[in-house]
Amino acid sequence: MKKQMFKKQFINAYRSAGLWFVTLYMEAFLRRIDELRDRNKKTKLIEEIYNNGEGPDKDESGT
């Protein structure tokens, strides 16, 4: 079953991600939108962002 994100949830997620994160990775997300539907590919993308980033997240779950 596909989860649906409502507008309010999207706005909250967008705001909590921070402008730096959205700015840096929005193009990557849009280019790889089909991969984000696959749980394993999405996990690999998150790992890649976490390992290559210098953001404030202390672990992958924050990313």
N, C-alpha and C. Protein backbone atom coordinates (compact mmCIF):
# COMPACT_ATOMS: atom_id res chain seq x y z
N MET A 1 0.84 -1.17 0.00
CA MET A 1 0.00 0.00 0.00
C MET A 1 0.90 1.25 0.00
N LYS A 2 0.55 2.19 -0.82
CA LYS A 2 1.31 3.43 -0.95
C LYS A 2 0.85 4.44 0.10
N LYS A 3 1.81 5.00 0.84
CA LYS A 3 1.45 6.01 1.82
C LYS A 3 1.26 7.34 1.12
N GLN A 4 0.27 8.10 1.56
CA GLN A 4 0.01 9.41 1.00
C GLN A 4 0.46 10.47 1.99
N MET A 5 1.17 11.45 1.49
CA MET A 5 1.60 12.55 2.33
C MET A 5 0.67 13.73 2.06
N PHE A 6 0.07 14.23 3.09
CA PHE A 6 -0.83 15.35 2.94
C PHE A 6 -0.04 16.65 2.91
N LYS A 7 -0.67 17.70 2.42
CA LYS A 7 0.01 18.99 2.23
C LYS A 7 0.66 19.47 3.53
N LYS A 8 -0.04 19.38 4.64
CA LYS A 8 0.50 19.84 5.92
C LYS A 8 1.74 19.02 6.31
N GLN A 9 1.69 17.71 6.08
CA GLN A 9 2.84 16.85 6.38
C GLN A 9 4.03 17.22 5.51
N PHE A 10 3.76 17.50 4.22
CA PHE A 10 4.84 17.90 3.32
C PHE A 10 5.47 19.20 3.78
N ILE A 11 4.66 20.16 4.13
CA ILE A 11 5.18 21.46 4.59
C ILE A 11 6.02 21.28 5.84
N ASN A 12 5.56 20.48 6.78
CA ASN A 12 6.34 20.23 8.00
C ASN A 12 7.66 19.53 7.68
N ALA A 13 7.63 18.54 6.79
CA ALA A 13 8.86 17.84 6.42
C ALA A 13 9.82 18.77 5.71
N TYR A 14 9.30 19.60 4.81
CA TYR A 14 10.12 20.56 4.07
C TYR A 14 10.78 21.54 5.02
N ARG A 15 10.02 22.05 5.96
CA ARG A 15 10.58 23.02 6.92
C ARG A 15 11.60 22.38 7.84
N SER A 16 11.36 21.15 8.25
CA SER A 16 12.29 20.49 9.17
C SER A 16 13.57 20.08 8.46
N ALA A 17 13.51 19.86 7.14
CA ALA A 17 14.70 19.48 6.39
C ALA A 17 15.70 20.62 6.34
N GLY A 18 15.23 21.82 6.34
CA GLY A 18 16.12 22.97 6.28
C GLY A 18 16.43 23.35 4.85
N LEU A 19 16.63 24.63 4.66
CA LEU A 19 16.87 25.16 3.34
C LEU A 19 18.15 24.61 2.72
N TRP A 20 19.20 24.44 3.51
CA TRP A 20 20.47 23.95 2.96
C TRP A 20 20.29 22.56 2.36
N PHE A 21 19.53 21.70 3.04
CA PHE A 21 19.33 20.33 2.58
C PHE A 21 18.51 20.30 1.29
N VAL A 22 17.41 21.02 1.29
CA VAL A 22 16.54 21.05 0.12
C VAL A 22 17.28 21.63 -1.08
N THR A 23 18.02 22.68 -0.86
CA THR A 23 18.77 23.32 -1.95
C THR A 23 19.81 22.38 -2.54
N LEU A 24 20.54 21.69 -1.69
CA LEU A 24 21.59 20.81 -2.17
C LEU A 24 21.08 19.56 -2.87
N TYR A 25 19.97 19.02 -2.42
CA TYR A 25 19.56 17.70 -2.88
C TYR A 25 18.27 17.64 -3.71
N MET A 26 17.57 18.74 -3.89
CA MET A 26 16.31 18.70 -4.63
C MET A 26 16.51 18.17 -6.05
N GLU A 27 17.54 18.62 -6.74
CA GLU A 27 17.77 18.13 -8.10
C GLU A 27 18.01 16.62 -8.10
N ALA A 28 18.79 16.14 -7.15
CA ALA A 28 19.05 14.69 -7.06
C ALA A 28 17.75 13.93 -6.84
N PHE A 29 16.88 14.45 -5.98
CA PHE A 29 15.61 13.78 -5.73
C PHE A 29 14.74 13.76 -6.98
N LEU A 30 14.67 14.88 -7.67
CA LEU A 30 13.82 14.95 -8.86
C LEU A 30 14.34 14.05 -9.98
N ARG A 31 15.65 13.97 -10.14
CA ARG A 31 16.22 13.12 -11.18
C ARG A 31 16.06 11.63 -10.84
N ARG A 32 15.96 11.32 -9.57
CA ARG A 32 15.91 9.91 -9.14
C ARG A 32 14.57 9.57 -8.50
N ILE A 33 13.53 10.28 -8.90
CA ILE A 33 12.20 10.11 -8.28
C ILE A 33 11.72 8.67 -8.35
N ASP A 34 11.97 7.97 -9.45
CA ASP A 34 11.52 6.58 -9.57
C ASP A 34 12.24 5.68 -8.57
N GLU A 35 13.52 5.97 -8.31
CA GLU A 35 14.27 5.17 -7.35
C GLU A 35 13.73 5.33 -5.94
N LEU A 36 13.16 6.48 -5.65
CA LEU A 36 12.66 6.74 -4.30
C LEU A 36 11.44 5.88 -3.97
N ARG A 37 10.83 5.31 -4.97
CA ARG A 37 9.68 4.43 -4.74
C ARG A 37 10.11 3.03 -4.31
N ASP A 38 11.38 2.70 -4.56
CA ASP A 38 11.94 1.41 -4.18
C ASP A 38 12.67 1.56 -2.84
N ARG A 39 12.25 0.81 -1.85
CA ARG A 39 12.79 0.96 -0.49
C ARG A 39 14.32 0.78 -0.44
N ASN A 40 14.84 -0.23 -1.12
CA ASN A 40 16.28 -0.48 -1.10
C ASN A 40 17.06 0.64 -1.78
N LYS A 41 16.57 1.10 -2.92
CA LYS A 41 17.25 2.19 -3.63
C LYS A 41 17.17 3.48 -2.83
N LYS A 42 16.04 3.70 -2.17
CA LYS A 42 15.90 4.90 -1.36
C LYS A 42 16.88 4.87 -0.18
N THR A 43 17.03 3.71 0.43
CA THR A 43 17.98 3.56 1.53
C THR A 43 19.40 3.84 1.06
N LYS A 44 19.76 3.34 -0.13
CA LYS A 44 21.09 3.59 -0.67
C LYS A 44 21.32 5.07 -0.94
N LEU A 45 20.28 5.76 -1.44
CA LEU A 45 20.39 7.20 -1.68
C LEU A 45 20.61 7.95 -0.37
N ILE A 46 19.88 7.57 0.66
CA ILE A 46 20.04 8.20 1.97
C ILE A 46 21.45 7.97 2.50
N GLU A 47 21.95 6.74 2.36
CA GLU A 47 23.32 6.43 2.81
C GLU A 47 24.34 7.27 2.04
N GLU A 48 24.12 7.41 0.74
CA GLU A 48 25.03 8.19 -0.10
C GLU A 48 25.05 9.66 0.35
N ILE A 49 23.88 10.22 0.58
CA ILE A 49 23.79 11.62 1.03
C ILE A 49 24.46 11.77 2.39
N TYR A 50 24.19 10.85 3.28
CA TYR A 50 24.77 10.92 4.63
C TYR A 50 26.30 10.81 4.57
N ASN A 51 26.80 9.86 3.82
CA ASN A 51 28.25 9.63 3.75
C ASN A 51 29.00 10.74 3.02
N ASN A 52 28.35 11.38 2.05
CA ASN A 52 29.01 12.44 1.29
C ASN A 52 28.78 13.82 1.87
N GLY A 53 27.85 13.94 2.76
CA GLY A 53 27.49 15.25 3.28
C GLY A 53 28.31 15.66 4.48
N GLU A 54 28.27 16.92 4.73
CA GLU A 54 28.94 17.46 5.91
C GLU A 54 27.91 18.21 6.76
N GLY A 55 26.68 17.72 6.70
CA GLY A 55 25.61 18.36 7.43
C GLY A 55 25.65 18.05 8.91
N PRO A 56 24.74 18.60 9.64
CA PRO A 56 24.73 18.46 11.09
C PRO A 56 24.16 17.14 11.62
N ASP A 57 23.65 16.29 10.74
CA ASP A 57 23.04 15.04 11.23
C ASP A 57 24.10 14.14 11.86
N LYS A 58 23.77 13.61 13.04
CA LYS A 58 24.73 12.74 13.71
C LYS A 58 24.59 11.28 13.28
N ASP A 59 23.46 10.94 12.66
CA ASP A 59 23.30 9.58 12.13
C ASP A 59 22.39 9.60 10.90
N GLU A 60 22.32 8.47 10.23
CA GLU A 60 21.57 8.39 8.97
C GLU A 60 20.08 8.66 9.14
N SER A 61 19.52 8.32 10.28
CA SER A 61 18.08 8.54 10.45
C SER A 61 17.73 10.02 10.42
N GLY A 62 18.66 10.87 10.79
CA GLY A 62 18.43 12.30 10.69
C GLY A 62 18.38 12.76 9.25
N THR A 63 19.15 12.11 8.41
CA THR A 63 19.15 12.43 6.98
C THR A 63 17.87 11.94 6.35
